[in-house]
Amino acid sequence: ALAVERRRFGYRRLFVLLRREGEP
């Protein structure tokens, strides 16, 4: 879902967004 929302984001920025949501 995050990759669809942020189509030009790589795994590093997606990891930061998941960490903000509390993903350990």
mmCIF file of all heavy atoms, coordinates in Angstrom:
data_MODEL
# 
_entry.id   MODEL 
# 
loop_
_atom_site.group_PDB 
_atom_site.id 
_atom_site.type_symbol 
_atom_site.label_atom_id 
_atom_site.label_alt_id 
_atom_site.label_comp_id 
_atom_site.label_asym_id 
_atom_site.label_entity_id 
_atom_site.label_seq_id 
_atom_site.pdbx_PDB_ins_code 
_atom_site.Cartn_x 
_atom_site.Cartn_y 
_atom_site.Cartn_z 
_atom_site.occupancy 
_atom_site.B_iso_or_equiv 
_atom_site.pdbx_formal_charge 
_atom_site.auth_seq_id 
_atom_site.auth_comp_id 
_atom_site.auth_asym_id 
_atom_site.auth_atom_id 
_atom_site.pdbx_PDB_model_num 
ATOM 1   N N   . ALA A 1 1  ? 0.832  -1.211 0.000   1.00 0.00 ? 1  ALA A N   1 
ATOM 2   C CA  . ALA A 1 1  ? 0.000  0.000  0.000   1.00 0.00 ? 1  ALA A CA  1 
ATOM 3   C C   . ALA A 1 1  ? 0.868  1.264  0.000   1.00 0.00 ? 1  ALA A C   1 
ATOM 4   O O   . ALA A 1 1  ? 0.587  2.226  -0.726  1.00 0.00 ? 1  ALA A O   1 
ATOM 5   C CB  . ALA A 1 1  ? -0.927 -0.008 1.215   1.00 0.00 ? 1  ALA A CB  1 
ATOM 6   N N   . LEU A 1 2  ? 1.941  1.263  0.799   1.00 0.00 ? 2  LEU A N   1 
ATOM 7   C CA  . LEU A 1 2  ? 2.835  2.417  0.808   1.00 0.00 ? 2  LEU A CA  1 
ATOM 8   C C   . LEU A 1 2  ? 3.565  2.563  -0.518  1.00 0.00 ? 2  LEU A C   1 
ATOM 9   O O   . LEU A 1 2  ? 3.788  3.685  -0.995  1.00 0.00 ? 2  LEU A O   1 
ATOM 10  C CB  . LEU A 1 2  ? 3.848  2.280  1.949   1.00 0.00 ? 2  LEU A CB  1 
ATOM 11  C CG  . LEU A 1 2  ? 3.321  2.502  3.366   1.00 0.00 ? 2  LEU A CG  1 
ATOM 12  C CD1 . LEU A 1 2  ? 4.414  2.234  4.385   1.00 0.00 ? 2  LEU A CD1 1 
ATOM 13  C CD2 . LEU A 1 2  ? 2.776  3.919  3.524   1.00 0.00 ? 2  LEU A CD2 1 
ATOM 14  N N   . ALA A 1 3  ? 3.947  1.438  -1.121  1.00 0.00 ? 3  ALA A N   1 
ATOM 15  C CA  . ALA A 1 3  ? 4.633  1.503  -2.410  1.00 0.00 ? 3  ALA A CA  1 
ATOM 16  C C   . ALA A 1 3  ? 3.713  2.020  -3.507  1.00 0.00 ? 3  ALA A C   1 
ATOM 17  O O   . ALA A 1 3  ? 4.161  2.723  -4.422  1.00 0.00 ? 3  ALA A O   1 
ATOM 18  C CB  . ALA A 1 3  ? 5.177  0.118  -2.785  1.00 0.00 ? 3  ALA A CB  1 
ATOM 19  N N   . VAL A 1 4  ? 2.421  1.700  -3.438  1.00 0.00 ? 4  VAL A N   1 
ATOM 20  C CA  . VAL A 1 4  ? 1.467  2.234  -4.416  1.00 0.00 ? 4  VAL A CA  1 
ATOM 21  C C   . VAL A 1 4  ? 1.251  3.723  -4.191  1.00 0.00 ? 4  VAL A C   1 
ATOM 22  O O   . VAL A 1 4  ? 1.157  4.518  -5.132  1.00 0.00 ? 4  VAL A O   1 
ATOM 23  C CB  . VAL A 1 4  ? 0.139  1.457  -4.337  1.00 0.00 ? 4  VAL A CB  1 
ATOM 24  C CG1 . VAL A 1 4  ? -0.934 2.131  -5.182  1.00 0.00 ? 4  VAL A CG1 1 
ATOM 25  C CG2 . VAL A 1 4  ? 0.344  0.027  -4.800  1.00 0.00 ? 4  VAL A CG2 1 
ATOM 26  N N   . GLU A 1 5  ? 1.206  4.123  -2.914  1.00 0.00 ? 5  GLU A N   1 
ATOM 27  C CA  . GLU A 1 5  ? 1.020  5.542  -2.601  1.00 0.00 ? 5  GLU A CA  1 
ATOM 28  C C   . GLU A 1 5  ? 2.252  6.357  -2.954  1.00 0.00 ? 5  GLU A C   1 
ATOM 29  O O   . GLU A 1 5  ? 2.141  7.485  -3.440  1.00 0.00 ? 5  GLU A O   1 
ATOM 30  C CB  . GLU A 1 5  ? 0.694  5.694  -1.111  1.00 0.00 ? 5  GLU A CB  1 
ATOM 31  C CG  . GLU A 1 5  ? 0.479  7.131  -0.673  1.00 0.00 ? 5  GLU A CG  1 
ATOM 32  C CD  . GLU A 1 5  ? 0.241  7.222  0.821   1.00 0.00 ? 5  GLU A CD  1 
ATOM 33  O OE1 . GLU A 1 5  ? 0.154  6.164  1.483   1.00 0.00 ? 5  GLU A OE1 1 
ATOM 34  O OE2 . GLU A 1 5  ? 0.157  8.359  1.336   1.00 0.00 ? 5  GLU A OE2 1 
ATOM 35  N N   . ARG A 1 6  ? 3.430  5.796  -2.707  1.00 0.00 ? 6  ARG A N   1 
ATOM 36  C CA  . ARG A 1 6  ? 4.702  6.472  -2.995  1.00 0.00 ? 6  ARG A CA  1 
ATOM 37  C C   . ARG A 1 6  ? 5.438  5.656  -4.058  1.00 0.00 ? 6  ARG A C   1 
ATOM 38  O O   . ARG A 1 6  ? 6.326  4.855  -3.752  1.00 0.00 ? 6  ARG A O   1 
ATOM 39  C CB  . ARG A 1 6  ? 5.552  6.566  -1.733  1.00 0.00 ? 6  ARG A CB  1 
ATOM 40  C CG  . ARG A 1 6  ? 4.827  7.148  -0.530  1.00 0.00 ? 6  ARG A CG  1 
ATOM 41  C CD  . ARG A 1 6  ? 4.819  8.648  -0.579  1.00 0.00 ? 6  ARG A CD  1 
ATOM 42  N NE  . ARG A 1 6  ? 4.244  9.231  0.623   1.00 0.00 ? 6  ARG A NE  1 
ATOM 43  C CZ  . ARG A 1 6  ? 4.390  10.495 0.969   1.00 0.00 ? 6  ARG A CZ  1 
ATOM 44  N NH1 . ARG A 1 6  ? 5.086  11.299 0.194   1.00 0.00 ? 6  ARG A NH1 1 
ATOM 45  N NH2 . ARG A 1 6  ? 3.823  10.966 2.055   1.00 0.00 ? 6  ARG A NH2 1 
ATOM 46  N N   . ARG A 1 7  ? 5.072  5.861  -5.292  1.00 0.00 ? 7  ARG A N   1 
ATOM 47  C CA  . ARG A 1 7  ? 5.568  5.006  -6.374  1.00 0.00 ? 7  ARG A CA  1 
ATOM 48  C C   . ARG A 1 7  ? 7.060  5.153  -6.605  1.00 0.00 ? 7  ARG A C   1 
ATOM 49  O O   . ARG A 1 7  ? 7.699  4.217  -7.082  1.00 0.00 ? 7  ARG A O   1 
ATOM 50  C CB  . ARG A 1 7  ? 4.815  5.332  -7.654  1.00 0.00 ? 7  ARG A CB  1 
ATOM 51  C CG  . ARG A 1 7  ? 3.334  5.025  -7.602  1.00 0.00 ? 7  ARG A CG  1 
ATOM 52  C CD  . ARG A 1 7  ? 2.647  5.379  -8.899  1.00 0.00 ? 7  ARG A CD  1 
ATOM 53  N NE  . ARG A 1 7  ? 3.277  4.736  -10.039 1.00 0.00 ? 7  ARG A NE  1 
ATOM 54  C CZ  . ARG A 1 7  ? 2.923  4.933  -11.294 1.00 0.00 ? 7  ARG A CZ  1 
ATOM 55  N NH1 . ARG A 1 7  ? 1.949  5.792  -11.563 1.00 0.00 ? 7  ARG A NH1 1 
ATOM 56  N NH2 . ARG A 1 7  ? 3.540  4.319  -12.274 1.00 0.00 ? 7  ARG A NH2 1 
ATOM 57  N N   . ARG A 1 8  ? 7.657  6.285  -6.290  1.00 0.00 ? 8  ARG A N   1 
ATOM 58  C CA  . ARG A 1 8  ? 9.070  6.510  -6.541  1.00 0.00 ? 8  ARG A CA  1 
ATOM 59  C C   . ARG A 1 8  ? 9.922  6.378  -5.283  1.00 0.00 ? 8  ARG A C   1 
ATOM 60  O O   . ARG A 1 8  ? 11.079 6.782  -5.270  1.00 0.00 ? 8  ARG A O   1 
ATOM 61  C CB  . ARG A 1 8  ? 9.273  7.903  -7.144  1.00 0.00 ? 8  ARG A CB  1 
ATOM 62  C CG  . ARG A 1 8  ? 8.544  8.143  -8.437  1.00 0.00 ? 8  ARG A CG  1 
ATOM 63  C CD  . ARG A 1 8  ? 8.895  7.122  -9.481  1.00 0.00 ? 8  ARG A CD  1 
ATOM 64  N NE  . ARG A 1 8  ? 10.321 7.119  -9.795  1.00 0.00 ? 8  ARG A NE  1 
ATOM 65  C CZ  . ARG A 1 8  ? 10.911 6.257  -10.591 1.00 0.00 ? 8  ARG A CZ  1 
ATOM 66  N NH1 . ARG A 1 8  ? 10.202 5.297  -11.150 1.00 0.00 ? 8  ARG A NH1 1 
ATOM 67  N NH2 . ARG A 1 8  ? 12.200 6.341  -10.831 1.00 0.00 ? 8  ARG A NH2 1 
ATOM 68  N N   . PHE A 1 9  ? 9.377  5.796  -4.216  1.00 0.00 ? 9  PHE A N   1 
ATOM 69  C CA  . PHE A 1 9  ? 10.135 5.583  -2.993  1.00 0.00 ? 9  PHE A CA  1 
ATOM 70  C C   . PHE A 1 9  ? 10.779 4.204  -3.026  1.00 0.00 ? 9  PHE A C   1 
ATOM 71  O O   . PHE A 1 9  ? 10.149 3.217  -3.425  1.00 0.00 ? 9  PHE A O   1 
ATOM 72  C CB  . PHE A 1 9  ? 9.230  5.683  -1.762  1.00 0.00 ? 9  PHE A CB  1 
ATOM 73  C CG  . PHE A 1 9  ? 9.026  7.098  -1.276  1.00 0.00 ? 9  PHE A CG  1 
ATOM 74  C CD1 . PHE A 1 9  ? 9.272  8.173  -2.112  1.00 0.00 ? 9  PHE A CD1 1 
ATOM 75  C CD2 . PHE A 1 9  ? 8.593  7.350  0.012   1.00 0.00 ? 9  PHE A CD2 1 
ATOM 76  C CE1 . PHE A 1 9  ? 9.082  9.472  -1.680  1.00 0.00 ? 9  PHE A CE1 1 
ATOM 77  C CE2 . PHE A 1 9  ? 8.403  8.640  0.458   1.00 0.00 ? 9  PHE A CE2 1 
ATOM 78  C CZ  . PHE A 1 9  ? 8.643  9.712  -0.388  1.00 0.00 ? 9  PHE A CZ  1 
ATOM 79  N N   . GLY A 1 10 ? 12.041 4.130  -2.587  1.00 0.00 ? 10 GLY A N   1 
ATOM 80  C CA  . GLY A 1 10 ? 12.720 2.859  -2.440  1.00 0.00 ? 10 GLY A CA  1 
ATOM 81  C C   . GLY A 1 10 ? 12.461 2.253  -1.072  1.00 0.00 ? 10 GLY A C   1 
ATOM 82  O O   . GLY A 1 10 ? 11.678 2.772  -0.259  1.00 0.00 ? 10 GLY A O   1 
ATOM 83  N N   . TYR A 1 11 ? 13.145 1.145  -0.808  1.00 0.00 ? 11 TYR A N   1 
ATOM 84  C CA  . TYR A 1 11 ? 12.871 0.429  0.441   1.00 0.00 ? 11 TYR A CA  1 
ATOM 85  C C   . TYR A 1 11 ? 13.346 1.211  1.658   1.00 0.00 ? 11 TYR A C   1 
ATOM 86  O O   . TYR A 1 11 ? 12.795 1.046  2.764   1.00 0.00 ? 11 TYR A O   1 
ATOM 87  C CB  . TYR A 1 11 ? 13.523 -0.958 0.398   1.00 0.00 ? 11 TYR A CB  1 
ATOM 88  C CG  . TYR A 1 11 ? 15.014 -0.973 0.644   1.00 0.00 ? 11 TYR A CG  1 
ATOM 89  C CD1 . TYR A 1 11 ? 15.532 -1.185 1.911   1.00 0.00 ? 11 TYR A CD1 1 
ATOM 90  C CD2 . TYR A 1 11 ? 15.912 -0.772 -0.395  1.00 0.00 ? 11 TYR A CD2 1 
ATOM 91  C CE1 . TYR A 1 11 ? 16.895 -1.203 2.142   1.00 0.00 ? 11 TYR A CE1 1 
ATOM 92  C CE2 . TYR A 1 11 ? 17.262 -0.784 -0.183  1.00 0.00 ? 11 TYR A CE2 1 
ATOM 93  C CZ  . TYR A 1 11 ? 17.756 -1.005 1.091   1.00 0.00 ? 11 TYR A CZ  1 
ATOM 94  O OH  . TYR A 1 11 ? 19.108 -1.020 1.308   1.00 0.00 ? 11 TYR A OH  1 
ATOM 95  N N   . ARG A 1 12 ? 14.355 2.076  1.514   1.00 0.00 ? 12 ARG A N   1 
ATOM 96  C CA  . ARG A 1 12 ? 14.852 2.830  2.671   1.00 0.00 ? 12 ARG A CA  1 
ATOM 97  C C   . ARG A 1 12 ? 13.794 3.805  3.173   1.00 0.00 ? 12 ARG A C   1 
ATOM 98  O O   . ARG A 1 12 ? 13.528 3.878  4.382   1.00 0.00 ? 12 ARG A O   1 
ATOM 99  C CB  . ARG A 1 12 ? 16.132 3.568  2.293   1.00 0.00 ? 12 ARG A CB  1 
ATOM 100 C CG  . ARG A 1 12 ? 17.327 2.655  2.028   1.00 0.00 ? 12 ARG A CG  1 
ATOM 101 C CD  . ARG A 1 12 ? 18.577 3.471  1.733   1.00 0.00 ? 12 ARG A CD  1 
ATOM 102 N NE  . ARG A 1 12 ? 19.746 2.630  1.507   1.00 0.00 ? 12 ARG A NE  1 
ATOM 103 C CZ  . ARG A 1 12 ? 20.094 2.128  0.341   1.00 0.00 ? 12 ARG A CZ  1 
ATOM 104 N NH1 . ARG A 1 12 ? 19.351 2.395  -0.734  1.00 0.00 ? 12 ARG A NH1 1 
ATOM 105 N NH2 . ARG A 1 12 ? 21.170 1.373  0.212   1.00 0.00 ? 12 ARG A NH2 1 
ATOM 106 N N   . ARG A 1 13 ? 13.205 4.582  2.267   1.00 0.00 ? 13 ARG A N   1 
ATOM 107 C CA  . ARG A 1 13 ? 12.178 5.527  2.703   1.00 0.00 ? 13 ARG A CA  1 
ATOM 108 C C   . ARG A 1 13 ? 10.905 4.806  3.137   1.00 0.00 ? 13 ARG A C   1 
ATOM 109 O O   . ARG A 1 13 ? 10.224 5.251  4.069   1.00 0.00 ? 13 ARG A O   1 
ATOM 110 C CB  . ARG A 1 13 ? 11.874 6.507  1.567   1.00 0.00 ? 13 ARG A CB  1 
ATOM 111 C CG  . ARG A 1 13 ? 12.976 7.538  1.357   1.00 0.00 ? 13 ARG A CG  1 
ATOM 112 C CD  . ARG A 1 13 ? 12.509 8.659  0.441   1.00 0.00 ? 13 ARG A CD  1 
ATOM 113 N NE  . ARG A 1 13 ? 13.501 9.712  0.378   1.00 0.00 ? 13 ARG A NE  1 
ATOM 114 C CZ  . ARG A 1 13 ? 14.510 9.763  -0.486  1.00 0.00 ? 13 ARG A CZ  1 
ATOM 115 N NH1 . ARG A 1 13 ? 14.632 8.806  -1.383  1.00 0.00 ? 13 ARG A NH1 1 
ATOM 116 N NH2 . ARG A 1 13 ? 15.368 10.760 -0.479  1.00 0.00 ? 13 ARG A NH2 1 
ATOM 117 N N   . LEU A 1 14 ? 10.566 3.697  2.491   1.00 0.00 ? 14 LEU A N   1 
ATOM 118 C CA  . LEU A 1 14 ? 9.418  2.916  2.956   1.00 0.00 ? 14 LEU A CA  1 
ATOM 119 C C   . LEU A 1 14 ? 9.671  2.352  4.343   1.00 0.00 ? 14 LEU A C   1 
ATOM 120 O O   . LEU A 1 14 ? 8.748  2.278  5.174   1.00 0.00 ? 14 LEU A O   1 
ATOM 121 C CB  . LEU A 1 14 ? 9.128  1.784  1.966   1.00 0.00 ? 14 LEU A CB  1 
ATOM 122 C CG  . LEU A 1 14 ? 8.662  2.202  0.563   1.00 0.00 ? 14 LEU A CG  1 
ATOM 123 C CD1 . LEU A 1 14 ? 8.448  0.974  -0.309  1.00 0.00 ? 14 LEU A CD1 1 
ATOM 124 C CD2 . LEU A 1 14 ? 7.393  3.033  0.636   1.00 0.00 ? 14 LEU A CD2 1 
ATOM 125 N N   . PHE A 1 15 ? 10.905 1.972  4.625   1.00 0.00 ? 15 PHE A N   1 
ATOM 126 C CA  . PHE A 1 15 ? 11.244 1.492  5.970   1.00 0.00 ? 15 PHE A CA  1 
ATOM 127 C C   . PHE A 1 15 ? 11.059 2.596  7.000   1.00 0.00 ? 15 PHE A C   1 
ATOM 128 O O   . PHE A 1 15 ? 10.555 2.354  8.118   1.00 0.00 ? 15 PHE A O   1 
ATOM 129 C CB  . PHE A 1 15 ? 12.688 0.990  5.978   1.00 0.00 ? 15 PHE A CB  1 
ATOM 130 C CG  . PHE A 1 15 ? 13.279 0.842  7.347   1.00 0.00 ? 15 PHE A CG  1 
ATOM 131 C CD1 . PHE A 1 15 ? 12.895 -0.182 8.180   1.00 0.00 ? 15 PHE A CD1 1 
ATOM 132 C CD2 . PHE A 1 15 ? 14.223 1.748  7.810   1.00 0.00 ? 15 PHE A CD2 1 
ATOM 133 C CE1 . PHE A 1 15 ? 13.430 -0.318 9.443   1.00 0.00 ? 15 PHE A CE1 1 
ATOM 134 C CE2 . PHE A 1 15 ? 14.771 1.624  9.061   1.00 0.00 ? 15 PHE A CE2 1 
ATOM 135 C CZ  . PHE A 1 15 ? 14.371 0.591  9.891   1.00 0.00 ? 15 PHE A CZ  1 
ATOM 136 N N   . VAL A 1 16 ? 11.457 3.822  6.659   1.00 0.00 ? 16 VAL A N   1 
ATOM 137 C CA  . VAL A 1 16 ? 11.276 4.943  7.588   1.00 0.00 ? 16 VAL A CA  1 
ATOM 138 C C   . VAL A 1 16 ? 9.793  5.190  7.849   1.00 0.00 ? 16 VAL A C   1 
ATOM 139 O O   . VAL A 1 16 ? 9.381  5.427  8.992   1.00 0.00 ? 16 VAL A O   1 
ATOM 140 C CB  . VAL A 1 16 ? 11.955 6.208  7.025   1.00 0.00 ? 16 VAL A CB  1 
ATOM 141 C CG1 . VAL A 1 16 ? 11.649 7.417  7.890   1.00 0.00 ? 16 VAL A CG1 1 
ATOM 142 C CG2 . VAL A 1 16 ? 13.461 6.005  6.943   1.00 0.00 ? 16 VAL A CG2 1 
ATOM 143 N N   . LEU A 1 17 ? 8.966  5.132  6.814   1.00 0.00 ? 17 LEU A N   1 
ATOM 144 C CA  . LEU A 1 17 ? 7.525  5.334  7.000   1.00 0.00 ? 17 LEU A CA  1 
ATOM 145 C C   . LEU A 1 17 ? 6.915  4.236  7.856   1.00 0.00 ? 17 LEU A C   1 
ATOM 146 O O   . LEU A 1 17 ? 6.058  4.507  8.712   1.00 0.00 ? 17 LEU A O   1 
ATOM 147 C CB  . LEU A 1 17 ? 6.833  5.389  5.633   1.00 0.00 ? 17 LEU A CB  1 
ATOM 148 C CG  . LEU A 1 17 ? 7.234  6.549  4.713   1.00 0.00 ? 17 LEU A CG  1 
ATOM 149 C CD1 . LEU A 1 17 ? 6.473  6.460  3.398   1.00 0.00 ? 17 LEU A CD1 1 
ATOM 150 C CD2 . LEU A 1 17 ? 6.993  7.888  5.378   1.00 0.00 ? 17 LEU A CD2 1 
ATOM 151 N N   . LEU A 1 18 ? 7.343  2.985  7.655   1.00 0.00 ? 18 LEU A N   1 
ATOM 152 C CA  . LEU A 1 18 ? 6.842  1.892  8.493   1.00 0.00 ? 18 LEU A CA  1 
ATOM 153 C C   . LEU A 1 18 ? 7.306  2.035  9.936   1.00 0.00 ? 18 LEU A C   1 
ATOM 154 O O   . LEU A 1 18 ? 6.553  1.736  10.873  1.00 0.00 ? 18 LEU A O   1 
ATOM 155 C CB  . LEU A 1 18 ? 7.305  0.545  7.919   1.00 0.00 ? 18 LEU A CB  1 
ATOM 156 C CG  . LEU A 1 18 ? 6.650  0.106  6.602   1.00 0.00 ? 18 LEU A CG  1 
ATOM 157 C CD1 . LEU A 1 18 ? 7.325  -1.151 6.080   1.00 0.00 ? 18 LEU A CD1 1 
ATOM 158 C CD2 . LEU A 1 18 ? 5.163  -0.145 6.802   1.00 0.00 ? 18 LEU A CD2 1 
ATOM 159 N N   . ARG A 1 19 ? 8.533  2.483  10.139  1.00 0.00 ? 19 ARG A N   1 
ATOM 160 C CA  . ARG A 1 19 ? 9.038  2.661  11.505  1.00 0.00 ? 19 ARG A CA  1 
ATOM 161 C C   . ARG A 1 19 ? 8.261  3.768  12.221  1.00 0.00 ? 19 ARG A C   1 
ATOM 162 O O   . ARG A 1 19 ? 8.024  3.684  13.435  1.00 0.00 ? 19 ARG A O   1 
ATOM 163 C CB  . ARG A 1 19 ? 10.529 2.985  11.439  1.00 0.00 ? 19 ARG A CB  1 
ATOM 164 C CG  . ARG A 1 19 ? 11.188 3.201  12.794  1.00 0.00 ? 19 ARG A CG  1 
ATOM 165 C CD  . ARG A 1 19 ? 11.019 1.982  13.699  1.00 0.00 ? 19 ARG A CD  1 
ATOM 166 N NE  . ARG A 1 19 ? 11.613 0.789  13.152  1.00 0.00 ? 19 ARG A NE  1 
ATOM 167 C CZ  . ARG A 1 19 ? 12.875 0.416  13.378  1.00 0.00 ? 19 ARG A CZ  1 
ATOM 168 N NH1 . ARG A 1 19 ? 13.653 1.163  14.120  1.00 0.00 ? 19 ARG A NH1 1 
ATOM 169 N NH2 . ARG A 1 19 ? 13.331 -0.712 12.867  1.00 0.00 ? 19 ARG A NH2 1 
ATOM 170 N N   . ARG A 1 20 ? 7.838  4.795  11.483  1.00 0.00 ? 20 ARG A N   1 
ATOM 171 C CA  . ARG A 1 20 ? 7.011  5.838  12.110  1.00 0.00 ? 20 ARG A CA  1 
ATOM 172 C C   . ARG A 1 20 ? 5.672  5.290  12.571  1.00 0.00 ? 20 ARG A C   1 
ATOM 173 O O   . ARG A 1 20 ? 5.096  5.767  13.553  1.00 0.00 ? 20 ARG A O   1 
ATOM 174 C CB  . ARG A 1 20 ? 6.757  6.971  11.115  1.00 0.00 ? 20 ARG A CB  1 
ATOM 175 C CG  . ARG A 1 20 ? 7.981  7.821  10.812  1.00 0.00 ? 20 ARG A CG  1 
ATOM 176 C CD  . ARG A 1 20 ? 7.603  8.882  9.793   1.00 0.00 ? 20 ARG A CD  1 
ATOM 177 N NE  . ARG A 1 20 ? 8.756  9.650  9.350   1.00 0.00 ? 20 ARG A NE  1 
ATOM 178 C CZ  . ARG A 1 20 ? 8.708  10.550 8.381   1.00 0.00 ? 20 ARG A CZ  1 
ATOM 179 N NH1 . ARG A 1 20 ? 7.560  10.785 7.754   1.00 0.00 ? 20 ARG A NH1 1 
ATOM 180 N NH2 . ARG A 1 20 ? 9.794  11.212 8.030   1.00 0.00 ? 20 ARG A NH2 1 
ATOM 181 N N   . GLU A 1 21 ? 5.154  4.288  11.862  1.00 0.00 ? 21 GLU A N   1 
ATOM 182 C CA  . GLU A 1 21 ? 3.870  3.681  12.230  1.00 0.00 ? 21 GLU A CA  1 
ATOM 183 C C   . GLU A 1 21 ? 4.006  2.652  13.345  1.00 0.00 ? 21 GLU A C   1 
ATOM 184 O O   . GLU A 1 21 ? 3.002  2.054  13.747  1.00 0.00 ? 21 GLU A O   1 
ATOM 185 C CB  . GLU A 1 21 ? 3.235  3.027  10.998  1.00 0.00 ? 21 GLU A CB  1 
ATOM 186 C CG  . GLU A 1 21 ? 2.907  4.014  9.889   1.00 0.00 ? 21 GLU A CG  1 
ATOM 187 C CD  . GLU A 1 21 ? 2.346  3.325  8.663   1.00 0.00 ? 21 GLU A CD  1 
ATOM 188 O OE1 . GLU A 1 21 ? 2.261  2.074  8.690   1.00 0.00 ? 21 GLU A OE1 1 
ATOM 189 O OE2 . GLU A 1 21 ? 2.000  4.028  7.682   1.00 0.00 ? 21 GLU A OE2 1 
ATOM 190 N N   . GLY A 1 22 ? 5.242  2.421  13.819  1.00 0.00 ? 22 GLY A N   1 
ATOM 191 C CA  . GLY A 1 22 ? 5.442  1.487  14.924  1.00 0.00 ? 22 GLY A CA  1 
ATOM 192 C C   . GLY A 1 22 ? 5.858  0.098  14.512  1.00 0.00 ? 22 GLY A C   1 
ATOM 193 O O   . GLY A 1 22 ? 5.836  -0.819 15.353  1.00 0.00 ? 22 GLY A O   1 
ATOM 194 N N   . GLU A 1 23 ? 6.236  -0.120 13.263  1.00 0.00 ? 23 GLU A N   1 
ATOM 195 C CA  . GLU A 1 23 ? 6.657  -1.439 12.811  1.00 0.00 ? 23 GLU A CA  1 
ATOM 196 C C   . GLU A 1 23 ? 8.055  -1.751 13.375  1.00 0.00 ? 23 GLU A C   1 
ATOM 197 O O   . GLU A 1 23 ? 9.016  -1.019 13.116  1.00 0.00 ? 23 GLU A O   1 
ATOM 198 C CB  . GLU A 1 23 ? 6.687  -1.487 11.283  1.00 0.00 ? 23 GLU A CB  1 
ATOM 199 C CG  . GLU A 1 23 ? 7.249  -2.776 10.703  1.00 0.00 ? 23 GLU A CG  1 
ATOM 200 C CD  . GLU A 1 23 ? 6.471  -3.999 11.142  1.00 0.00 ? 23 GLU A CD  1 
ATOM 201 O OE1 . GLU A 1 23 ? 5.229  -3.931 11.170  1.00 0.00 ? 23 GLU A OE1 1 
ATOM 202 O OE2 . GLU A 1 23 ? 7.110  -5.014 11.465  1.00 0.00 ? 23 GLU A OE2 1 
ATOM 203 N N   . PRO A 1 24 ? 8.216  -2.848 14.130  1.00 0.00 ? 24 PRO A N   1 
ATOM 204 C CA  . PRO A 1 24 ? 9.532  -3.129 14.742  1.00 0.00 ? 24 PRO A CA  1 
ATOM 205 C C   . PRO A 1 24 ? 10.508 -3.856 13.823  1.00 0.00 ? 24 PRO A C   1 
ATOM 206 O O   . PRO A 1 24 ? 11.659 -4.062 14.221  1.00 0.00 ? 24 PRO A O   1 
ATOM 207 C CB  . PRO A 1 24 ? 9.154  -4.017 15.936  1.00 0.00 ? 24 PRO A CB  1 
ATOM 208 C CG  . PRO A 1 24 ? 7.925  -4.744 15.485  1.00 0.00 ? 24 PRO A CG  1 
ATOM 209 C CD  . PRO A 1 24 ? 7.170  -3.786 14.592  1.00 0.00 ? 24 PRO A CD  1 
# 
